[in-house]
Protein backbone atom coordinates (compact mmCIF):
# COMPACT_ATOMS: atom_id res chain seq x y z
CA UNK A 1 92.06 98.67 135.23
CA UNK A 2 90.25 100.03 132.17
CA UNK A 3 93.55 101.22 130.62
CA UNK A 4 95.17 97.86 131.30
CA UNK A 5 92.34 96.05 129.47
CA UNK A 6 92.62 98.42 126.53
CA UNK A 7 96.37 97.81 126.33
CA UNK A 8 95.87 94.06 126.58
CA UNK A 9 93.24 94.18 123.83
CA UNK A 10 95.53 96.26 121.57
CA UNK A 11 98.41 93.85 122.17
CA UNK A 12 96.20 90.90 121.22
CA UNK A 13 95.18 92.62 117.96
CA UNK A 14 98.80 93.39 117.11
CA UNK A 15 99.87 89.81 117.89
CA UNK A 16 97.11 88.45 115.64
CA UNK A 17 98.40 90.62 112.78
CA UNK A 18 102.05 89.69 113.34
CA UNK A 19 103.52 87.42 110.66
CA UNK A 20 104.05 83.75 111.46
CA UNK A 21 107.55 84.13 110.03
CA UNK A 22 109.74 86.99 108.84
CA UNK A 23 113.32 86.42 107.73
CA UNK A 24 115.10 89.39 106.20
CA UNK A 25 118.49 87.65 106.50
CA UNK A 26 119.89 90.52 108.53
CA UNK A 27 121.54 87.93 110.81
CA UNK A 28 123.21 84.58 110.12
CA UNK A 29 120.93 82.89 112.70
CA UNK A 30 117.14 82.89 112.87
CA UNK A 31 115.15 80.90 115.43
CA UNK A 32 112.94 79.25 112.78
CA UNK A 33 115.58 78.79 110.04
CA UNK A 34 117.81 75.79 109.39
CA UNK A 35 120.29 76.43 106.54
CA UNK A 36 121.49 73.02 105.40
CA UNK A 37 123.44 71.03 102.81
CA UNK A 38 125.75 73.86 101.84
CA UNK A 39 127.79 76.85 102.94
CA UNK A 40 125.09 79.51 103.16
CA UNK A 41 126.31 83.14 103.30
CA UNK A 42 124.17 85.88 104.86
CA UNK A 43 124.93 89.44 103.76
CA UNK A 44 123.03 92.49 102.53
CA UNK A 45 119.69 90.97 103.64
CA UNK A 46 120.22 87.99 101.34
CA UNK A 47 121.01 84.29 101.79
CA UNK A 48 123.26 82.87 99.06
CA UNK A 49 124.68 79.41 98.52
CA UNK A 50 126.59 77.56 95.81
CA UNK A 51 126.00 73.83 95.57
CA UNK A 52 128.88 71.62 96.68
CA UNK A 53 128.81 68.51 94.43
CA UNK A 54 130.22 66.25 97.17
CA UNK A 55 127.50 67.33 99.61
CA UNK A 56 124.91 66.86 96.85
CA UNK A 57 125.93 63.22 96.44
CA UNK A 58 126.23 62.71 100.21
CA UNK A 59 122.63 63.89 100.62
CA UNK A 60 121.27 61.53 97.93
CA UNK A 61 121.15 64.13 95.13
CA UNK A 62 119.54 66.85 97.25
CA UNK A 63 121.02 70.34 97.09
CA UNK A 64 121.24 73.24 99.56
CA UNK A 65 118.07 74.11 101.42
CA UNK A 66 116.57 76.62 103.85
CA UNK A 67 114.08 74.95 106.22
CA UNK A 68 111.69 76.99 108.33
CA UNK A 69 110.08 75.29 111.32
CA UNK A 70 106.57 76.67 111.17
CA UNK A 71 103.47 74.87 112.37
CA UNK A 72 100.50 75.98 110.26
CA UNK A 73 97.58 74.74 108.22
CA UNK A 74 96.76 77.84 106.20
CA UNK A 75 99.31 80.53 105.35
CA UNK A 76 100.37 83.05 102.73
CA UNK A 77 104.09 82.68 102.03
CA UNK A 78 106.20 85.02 99.96
CA UNK A 79 109.88 85.14 99.09
CA UNK A 80 112.19 86.24 96.29
CA UNK A 81 114.75 84.04 94.53
CA UNK A 82 117.58 84.69 92.11
CA UNK A 83 119.02 81.66 90.28
CA UNK A 84 122.50 81.59 88.84
CA UNK A 85 123.35 80.70 85.24
CA UNK A 86 123.79 76.98 85.98
CA UNK A 87 120.94 76.50 88.46
CA UNK A 88 118.81 73.51 87.41
CA UNK A 89 115.89 73.80 89.83
CA UNK A 90 114.47 75.81 92.70
CA UNK A 91 111.99 73.99 94.93
CA UNK A 92 109.41 75.31 97.39
CA UNK A 93 107.89 72.64 99.67
CA UNK A 94 105.35 72.63 102.50
CA UNK A 95 105.83 69.58 104.73
CA UNK A 96 103.65 67.87 107.32
CA UNK A 97 104.50 65.46 110.12
CA UNK A 98 104.02 62.57 107.68
CA UNK A 99 106.12 64.05 104.83
CA UNK A 100 105.65 66.42 101.90
CA UNK A 101 102.24 68.07 101.42
CA UNK A 102 102.74 70.54 98.53
CA UNK A 103 105.61 71.37 96.19
CA UNK A 104 106.50 73.68 93.31
CA UNK A 105 109.59 72.85 91.25
CA UNK A 106 110.89 75.65 89.02
CA UNK A 107 113.17 74.37 86.26
CA UNK A 108 114.34 75.06 82.70
CA UNK A 109 111.02 73.80 81.26
CA UNK A 110 108.81 75.83 83.60
CA UNK A 111 107.16 74.92 86.88
CA UNK A 112 105.65 71.69 88.15
CA UNK A 113 102.98 71.95 90.86
CA UNK A 114 102.54 68.79 92.97
CA UNK A 115 100.49 67.37 95.84
CA UNK A 116 101.48 64.44 98.05
CA UNK A 117 98.37 62.46 99.09
CA UNK A 118 99.17 60.56 102.30
CA UNK A 119 97.26 57.50 101.12
CA UNK A 120 99.24 57.08 97.88
CA UNK A 121 101.69 54.19 97.58
CA UNK A 122 105.09 55.17 99.03
CA UNK A 123 103.75 58.73 99.51
CA UNK A 124 104.31 59.53 95.82
CA UNK A 125 103.39 62.91 94.45
CA UNK A 126 100.76 63.67 91.85
CA UNK A 127 100.93 66.48 89.32
CA UNK A 128 98.38 69.23 89.81
CA UNK A 129 99.73 71.18 86.83
CA UNK A 130 102.69 71.96 84.63
CA UNK A 131 103.24 75.65 83.91
CA UNK A 132 105.71 75.98 80.97
CA UNK A 133 105.63 79.80 81.06
CA UNK A 134 107.01 79.98 84.62
CA UNK A 135 110.73 79.94 83.92
CA UNK A 136 112.97 81.80 86.36
CA UNK A 137 115.55 84.02 84.66
CA UNK A 138 119.19 83.56 85.73
CA UNK A 139 120.59 86.63 87.46
CA UNK A 140 117.15 88.18 88.06
CA UNK A 141 115.11 88.37 91.25
CA UNK A 142 111.65 86.81 91.04
CA UNK A 143 109.02 87.36 93.74
CA UNK A 144 107.01 84.22 94.52
CA UNK A 145 103.77 84.07 96.50
CA UNK A 146 102.11 80.84 97.62
CA UNK A 147 98.84 80.76 99.57
CA UNK A 148 97.72 77.52 101.17
CA UNK A 149 94.07 77.71 102.27
CA UNK A 150 92.23 74.48 103.02
CA UNK A 151 92.22 72.29 99.90
CA UNK A 152 93.53 75.10 97.68
CA UNK A 153 96.98 76.40 96.79
CA UNK A 154 97.43 79.68 94.94
CA UNK A 155 100.67 80.52 93.12
CA UNK A 156 101.51 84.06 92.01
CA UNK A 157 104.57 85.12 90.03
CA UNK A 158 104.57 88.49 88.25
CA UNK A 159 101.34 88.67 86.20
CA UNK A 160 100.69 84.94 86.65
CA UNK A 161 98.18 83.83 89.30
CA UNK A 162 96.55 80.42 89.42
CA UNK A 163 94.79 78.29 92.04
CA UNK A 164 95.13 74.51 92.31
CA UNK A 165 93.04 72.17 94.41
CA UNK A 166 93.49 68.78 96.05
CA UNK A 167 91.97 67.39 99.27
CA UNK A 168 95.39 66.45 100.69
CA UNK A 169 96.51 70.11 100.80
CA UNK A 170 94.28 70.75 103.85
CA UNK A 171 96.63 68.76 106.12
CA UNK A 172 98.54 70.47 108.92
CA UNK A 173 102.07 71.58 108.00
CA UNK A 174 105.13 71.55 110.27
CA UNK A 175 107.65 73.39 108.11
CA UNK A 176 108.36 74.88 104.71
CA UNK A 177 111.53 74.95 102.65
CA UNK A 178 113.26 76.62 99.73
CA UNK A 179 115.95 74.49 98.11
CA UNK A 180 117.78 74.16 94.83
CA UNK A 181 120.11 72.03 92.78
CA UNK A 182 123.28 73.08 90.96
CA UNK A 183 124.89 76.46 90.62
CA UNK A 184 124.22 79.37 92.95
CA UNK A 185 120.93 80.69 94.32
CA UNK A 186 120.10 83.75 96.41
CA UNK A 187 116.96 84.14 98.55
CA UNK A 188 115.52 87.20 100.27
CA UNK A 189 112.40 88.54 102.00
CA UNK A 190 110.85 85.31 103.36
CA UNK A 191 107.52 86.03 105.05
CA UNK A 192 104.61 83.82 106.11
CA UNK A 193 101.31 85.30 107.30
CA UNK A 194 97.95 83.89 108.33
């Protein structure tokens, strides 16, 4: 009985340390992933998609996206992205049951960091910051880390690390997504931890 309790205790510790999500794109299917609005290819531990302009219009000017069903309130999320030469934006979003909670939009002029207060008219976003130095380089992998902890969101990219705060960020989240518009984007190493 003593050995059984020790094994059970060790299993509980290991389960607590297990990531909430790990997608290394070694398979075309993943139980938490929904690859949408484009023809996503999965090879060499990478997900790659080129925007289809007809699908973009059909989906009201929204490009290809990887959704991850992941109930959480606080989490540390990391992934790597590689935009193509004609990519206009790459978007990371944490969503709740009532819509968007937090978003980062990487574009040609840098990054925009946004919160979505649930009590705002039409659930409009508010700018937490604009970061002109955070421009993703076409053809190069960039590692992104986002930590959502209570009312705070931390963004890390290379040597850049900054924390933003808004009360609405403490809401429960139901999923997260990585999407883009125009051109081709590759994604790899998606992990979410407590």
